[in-house]
Amino acid sequence: MLSLDVYGVVFGPCTVTSHGGYDYTFRLPGQKEVYRGDEVQDITATHEAVSFDGSISFFRDRKRVVVKLDRHGYPFELNGKYHYR
């Protein structure tokens, strides 16, 4: 699961708030260092089935994940570098 909490001025569908967030759950086949966008399966219950372009890269020695995905030709909202435990 990949989560992002955003603090500051966050624009929502109806109002402005000081906190927002995203949660996505992906299924990734096997134990790889790099998953192509077409291998990434979004299994989050609230999202429609979409295909991705780009990649998700794991650097296990540094416990880092780099997300570089496009969805429908636009950058994915959780693109960036993340640490995991």
N, C-alpha and C. Protein backbone atom coordinates (compact mmCIF):
# COMPACT_ATOMS: atom_id res chain seq x y z
N MET A 1 0.85 -1.17 0.00
CA MET A 1 0.00 0.00 0.00
C MET A 1 0.89 1.23 0.00
N LEU A 2 0.50 2.22 -0.75
CA LEU A 2 1.22 3.48 -0.85
C LEU A 2 0.29 4.57 -0.36
N SER A 3 0.76 5.35 0.62
CA SER A 3 -0.07 6.41 1.21
C SER A 3 0.69 7.72 1.19
N LEU A 4 -0.05 8.79 1.06
CA LEU A 4 0.54 10.13 1.09
C LEU A 4 -0.36 11.02 1.91
N ASP A 5 0.20 11.64 2.94
CA ASP A 5 -0.52 12.64 3.73
C ASP A 5 -0.01 14.01 3.32
N VAL A 6 -0.92 14.93 3.10
CA VAL A 6 -0.57 16.27 2.66
C VAL A 6 -1.06 17.26 3.70
N TYR A 7 -0.16 18.12 4.16
CA TYR A 7 -0.53 19.16 5.12
C TYR A 7 -0.28 20.52 4.49
N GLY A 8 -1.08 21.49 4.87
CA GLY A 8 -0.99 22.83 4.31
C GLY A 8 -2.34 23.20 3.74
N VAL A 9 -2.36 23.97 2.68
CA VAL A 9 -3.61 24.32 2.03
C VAL A 9 -3.90 23.25 0.98
N VAL A 10 -4.96 22.47 1.22
CA VAL A 10 -5.33 21.37 0.34
C VAL A 10 -6.72 21.66 -0.21
N PHE A 11 -6.83 21.71 -1.54
CA PHE A 11 -8.11 21.99 -2.17
C PHE A 11 -8.86 20.69 -2.38
N GLY A 12 -10.05 20.61 -1.83
CA GLY A 12 -10.90 19.44 -1.99
C GLY A 12 -12.03 19.73 -2.95
N PRO A 13 -12.93 18.76 -3.15
CA PRO A 13 -14.02 18.95 -4.11
C PRO A 13 -15.02 20.02 -3.68
N CYS A 14 -15.14 20.26 -2.39
CA CYS A 14 -16.14 21.22 -1.91
C CYS A 14 -15.56 22.38 -1.12
N THR A 15 -14.35 22.23 -0.61
CA THR A 15 -13.81 23.24 0.29
C THR A 15 -12.29 23.16 0.35
N VAL A 16 -11.69 24.06 1.09
CA VAL A 16 -10.26 24.05 1.35
C VAL A 16 -10.06 23.51 2.77
N THR A 17 -9.08 22.64 2.94
CA THR A 17 -8.80 22.05 4.24
C THR A 17 -7.31 22.14 4.53
N SER A 18 -6.90 21.72 5.72
CA SER A 18 -5.48 21.76 6.08
C SER A 18 -4.81 20.39 5.99
N HIS A 19 -5.58 19.34 5.67
CA HIS A 19 -5.01 18.00 5.59
C HIS A 19 -5.75 17.18 4.54
N GLY A 20 -5.00 16.43 3.77
CA GLY A 20 -5.59 15.54 2.78
C GLY A 20 -4.72 14.32 2.63
N GLY A 21 -5.20 13.35 1.90
CA GLY A 21 -4.40 12.15 1.73
C GLY A 21 -4.87 11.29 0.60
N TYR A 22 -3.99 10.39 0.18
CA TYR A 22 -4.26 9.41 -0.86
C TYR A 22 -3.86 8.05 -0.33
N ASP A 23 -4.60 7.02 -0.67
CA ASP A 23 -4.24 5.64 -0.36
C ASP A 23 -4.46 4.80 -1.60
N TYR A 24 -3.45 4.06 -1.99
CA TYR A 24 -3.54 3.14 -3.12
C TYR A 24 -2.94 1.81 -2.70
N THR A 25 -3.52 0.73 -3.17
CA THR A 25 -2.97 -0.60 -2.97
C THR A 25 -2.70 -1.20 -4.34
N PHE A 26 -1.45 -1.62 -4.54
CA PHE A 26 -1.03 -2.18 -5.82
C PHE A 26 -0.68 -3.64 -5.66
N ARG A 27 -0.94 -4.42 -6.69
CA ARG A 27 -0.45 -5.79 -6.78
C ARG A 27 0.70 -5.77 -7.78
N LEU A 28 1.86 -6.26 -7.32
CA LEU A 28 3.06 -6.31 -8.15
C LEU A 28 3.52 -7.76 -8.25
N PRO A 29 3.70 -8.28 -9.47
CA PRO A 29 4.03 -9.70 -9.62
C PRO A 29 5.48 -10.01 -9.26
N GLY A 30 5.69 -10.95 -8.35
CA GLY A 30 7.03 -11.44 -8.03
C GLY A 30 7.86 -10.46 -7.23
N GLN A 31 9.16 -10.77 -7.14
CA GLN A 31 10.14 -9.94 -6.42
C GLN A 31 11.09 -9.35 -7.44
N LYS A 32 10.81 -8.17 -7.91
CA LYS A 32 11.65 -7.52 -8.91
C LYS A 32 12.19 -6.21 -8.35
N GLU A 33 13.18 -5.68 -9.04
CA GLU A 33 13.68 -4.36 -8.69
C GLU A 33 12.89 -3.27 -9.40
N VAL A 34 12.43 -3.55 -10.63
CA VAL A 34 11.67 -2.57 -11.41
C VAL A 34 10.43 -3.25 -11.98
N TYR A 35 9.28 -2.61 -11.78
CA TYR A 35 8.02 -3.06 -12.34
C TYR A 35 7.58 -2.05 -13.39
N ARG A 36 7.33 -2.52 -14.61
CA ARG A 36 6.81 -1.64 -15.66
C ARG A 36 5.37 -1.26 -15.34
N GLY A 37 4.93 -0.16 -15.88
CA GLY A 37 3.57 0.31 -15.64
C GLY A 37 2.50 -0.70 -15.98
N ASP A 38 2.73 -1.48 -17.05
CA ASP A 38 1.72 -2.46 -17.42
C ASP A 38 1.67 -3.67 -16.48
N GLU A 39 2.65 -3.79 -15.57
CA GLU A 39 2.65 -4.85 -14.56
C GLU A 39 1.98 -4.41 -13.26
N VAL A 40 1.79 -3.11 -13.10
CA VAL A 40 1.23 -2.55 -11.88
C VAL A 40 -0.29 -2.65 -11.93
N GLN A 41 -0.86 -3.32 -10.95
CA GLN A 41 -2.31 -3.49 -10.90
C GLN A 41 -2.85 -2.79 -9.66
N ASP A 42 -3.67 -1.77 -9.87
CA ASP A 42 -4.31 -1.04 -8.77
C ASP A 42 -5.48 -1.88 -8.26
N ILE A 43 -5.39 -2.34 -7.01
CA ILE A 43 -6.46 -3.17 -6.45
C ILE A 43 -7.21 -2.43 -5.34
N THR A 44 -7.04 -1.12 -5.29
CA THR A 44 -7.78 -0.31 -4.33
C THR A 44 -9.26 -0.39 -4.67
N ALA A 45 -10.09 -0.71 -3.71
CA ALA A 45 -11.52 -0.97 -3.95
C ALA A 45 -12.25 0.24 -4.54
N THR A 46 -11.78 1.45 -4.24
CA THR A 46 -12.52 2.64 -4.66
C THR A 46 -12.11 3.16 -6.03
N HIS A 47 -11.16 2.55 -6.68
CA HIS A 47 -10.68 3.05 -7.96
C HIS A 47 -11.06 2.12 -9.10
N GLU A 48 -11.32 2.70 -10.26
CA GLU A 48 -11.62 1.89 -11.44
C GLU A 48 -10.33 1.28 -11.96
N ALA A 49 -10.45 0.22 -12.72
CA ALA A 49 -9.27 -0.43 -13.30
C ALA A 49 -8.63 0.51 -14.32
N VAL A 50 -7.36 0.79 -14.13
CA VAL A 50 -6.63 1.67 -15.04
C VAL A 50 -5.32 1.02 -15.41
N SER A 51 -4.79 1.42 -16.54
CA SER A 51 -3.45 0.97 -16.91
C SER A 51 -2.49 2.13 -16.72
N PHE A 52 -1.27 1.79 -16.38
CA PHE A 52 -0.24 2.79 -16.10
C PHE A 52 0.87 2.68 -17.13
N ASP A 53 1.53 3.80 -17.37
CA ASP A 53 2.79 3.84 -18.10
C ASP A 53 3.85 4.24 -17.08
N GLY A 54 5.10 3.93 -17.35
CA GLY A 54 6.18 4.29 -16.44
C GLY A 54 6.65 3.09 -15.64
N SER A 55 7.06 3.33 -14.38
CA SER A 55 7.62 2.23 -13.59
C SER A 55 7.54 2.54 -12.10
N ILE A 56 7.66 1.47 -11.32
CA ILE A 56 7.90 1.54 -9.87
C ILE A 56 9.20 0.79 -9.63
N SER A 57 10.18 1.46 -9.00
CA SER A 57 11.50 0.87 -8.75
C SER A 57 11.73 0.72 -7.26
N PHE A 58 12.27 -0.43 -6.87
CA PHE A 58 12.60 -0.70 -5.47
C PHE A 58 14.12 -0.75 -5.31
N PHE A 59 14.61 -0.03 -4.31
CA PHE A 59 16.01 -0.06 -3.93
C PHE A 59 16.04 -0.63 -2.52
N ARG A 60 16.03 -1.97 -2.43
CA ARG A 60 15.86 -2.64 -1.14
C ARG A 60 17.01 -2.39 -0.19
N ASP A 61 18.23 -2.20 -0.69
CA ASP A 61 19.36 -1.94 0.19
C ASP A 61 19.22 -0.60 0.91
N ARG A 62 18.50 0.34 0.31
CA ARG A 62 18.27 1.65 0.92
C ARG A 62 16.84 1.82 1.41
N LYS A 63 16.02 0.76 1.26
CA LYS A 63 14.60 0.79 1.63
C LYS A 63 13.90 1.99 1.01
N ARG A 64 14.06 2.12 -0.29
CA ARG A 64 13.50 3.25 -1.03
C ARG A 64 12.68 2.74 -2.21
N VAL A 65 11.59 3.44 -2.49
CA VAL A 65 10.74 3.16 -3.65
C VAL A 65 10.64 4.44 -4.46
N VAL A 66 10.82 4.32 -5.78
CA VAL A 66 10.68 5.47 -6.67
C VAL A 66 9.49 5.17 -7.59
N VAL A 67 8.48 6.02 -7.52
CA VAL A 67 7.28 5.87 -8.33
C VAL A 67 7.32 6.89 -9.46
N LYS A 68 7.30 6.41 -10.70
CA LYS A 68 7.27 7.26 -11.90
C LYS A 68 6.21 6.70 -12.82
N LEU A 69 4.96 7.00 -12.54
CA LEU A 69 3.86 6.45 -13.32
C LEU A 69 3.05 7.55 -13.98
N ASP A 70 2.46 7.24 -15.12
CA ASP A 70 1.49 8.11 -15.78
C ASP A 70 0.19 7.33 -15.87
N ARG A 71 -0.91 8.03 -15.68
CA ARG A 71 -2.24 7.42 -15.79
C ARG A 71 -3.05 8.27 -16.74
N HIS A 72 -3.53 7.68 -17.80
CA HIS A 72 -4.30 8.38 -18.85
C HIS A 72 -3.51 9.57 -19.41
N GLY A 73 -2.18 9.43 -19.50
CA GLY A 73 -1.34 10.48 -20.08
C GLY A 73 -0.96 11.58 -19.12
N TYR A 74 -1.35 11.50 -17.84
CA TYR A 74 -1.03 12.51 -16.84
C TYR A 74 -0.19 11.90 -15.73
N PRO A 75 0.72 12.67 -15.12
CA PRO A 75 1.52 12.13 -14.02
C PRO A 75 0.63 11.65 -12.87
N PHE A 76 0.97 10.51 -12.31
CA PHE A 76 0.25 9.93 -11.19
C PHE A 76 0.49 10.78 -9.95
N GLU A 77 -0.56 10.99 -9.13
CA GLU A 77 -0.45 11.91 -7.99
C GLU A 77 0.53 11.47 -6.91
N LEU A 78 0.92 10.20 -6.89
CA LEU A 78 1.86 9.73 -5.87
C LEU A 78 3.27 9.53 -6.42
N ASN A 79 3.58 10.12 -7.57
CA ASN A 79 4.95 10.03 -8.08
C ASN A 79 5.91 10.65 -7.09
N GLY A 80 7.08 10.04 -6.96
CA GLY A 80 8.09 10.57 -6.06
C GLY A 80 8.92 9.47 -5.45
N LYS A 81 9.75 9.85 -4.47
CA LYS A 81 10.63 8.91 -3.76
C LYS A 81 10.08 8.71 -2.36
N TYR A 82 10.04 7.45 -1.93
CA TYR A 82 9.49 7.10 -0.62
C TYR A 82 10.44 6.13 0.09
N HIS A 83 10.44 6.18 1.41
CA HIS A 83 11.14 5.21 2.23
C HIS A 83 10.13 4.26 2.83
N TYR A 84 10.53 3.04 3.06
CA TYR A 84 9.64 2.08 3.71
C TYR A 84 10.38 1.39 4.84
N ARG A 85 9.64 0.69 5.68
CA ARG A 85 10.24 0.00 6.83
C ARG A 85 10.39 -1.46 6.56
